[in-house]
Amino acid sequence: MHEAITSFVHDIAGISIDIMELLSIGIILFTTVQAFVKLLKKDPNARIYLLHGQSIGLTFKLGSEILRTVTVRNMDEILQIAMLIIIKAAMTWLIHWELSGIEQEQEEKDHPNYPRKTLSERVYEKTHPAIKVELVDREENKKAR
């Protein structure tokens, strides 16, 4: 009975890993082609589109690596998967960091009088959007008075 359940879990995990990896590849390929087309059309947001696609694709790949931990049999495999997860997480973080820099550049172009924000301030605004709205509302109320 235990062997049947273990075999079933491994089969489901294997199928799920394959599906998530295919989704990852598909998303990265699709957004790369779309970003290339946007680049040819001289769309200024082509780089942002590409980075978003890579981020989403890597997120699916990271999910598949986490699922792969279900099927490991020894410590060497666990260490290999752990290193892959760390590398992919670092890549995802770097992509998000690049995106926040691009968004900051666009905000500076659109609003040159606003003060420049640090990375930690931008991350805080992304993780706490309701607070950002309140601050904007307060600033608008001060201007209206």
Foldseek 3Di string as FASTA:
>chain_A
DVVVVLVVLLVVLVVLLVVLLVVLVVLLVVQVVVLVVCVVVVPPCSLVSNLVSNLVSLVSNLVNLVSVVSVDDDDVSVVVSVVVNVVSVVVNVVSVLVNLVVVQVVVCVVPVPDDRDDPVVSVVCVVCVVVVVVVVVVVVVVVVD
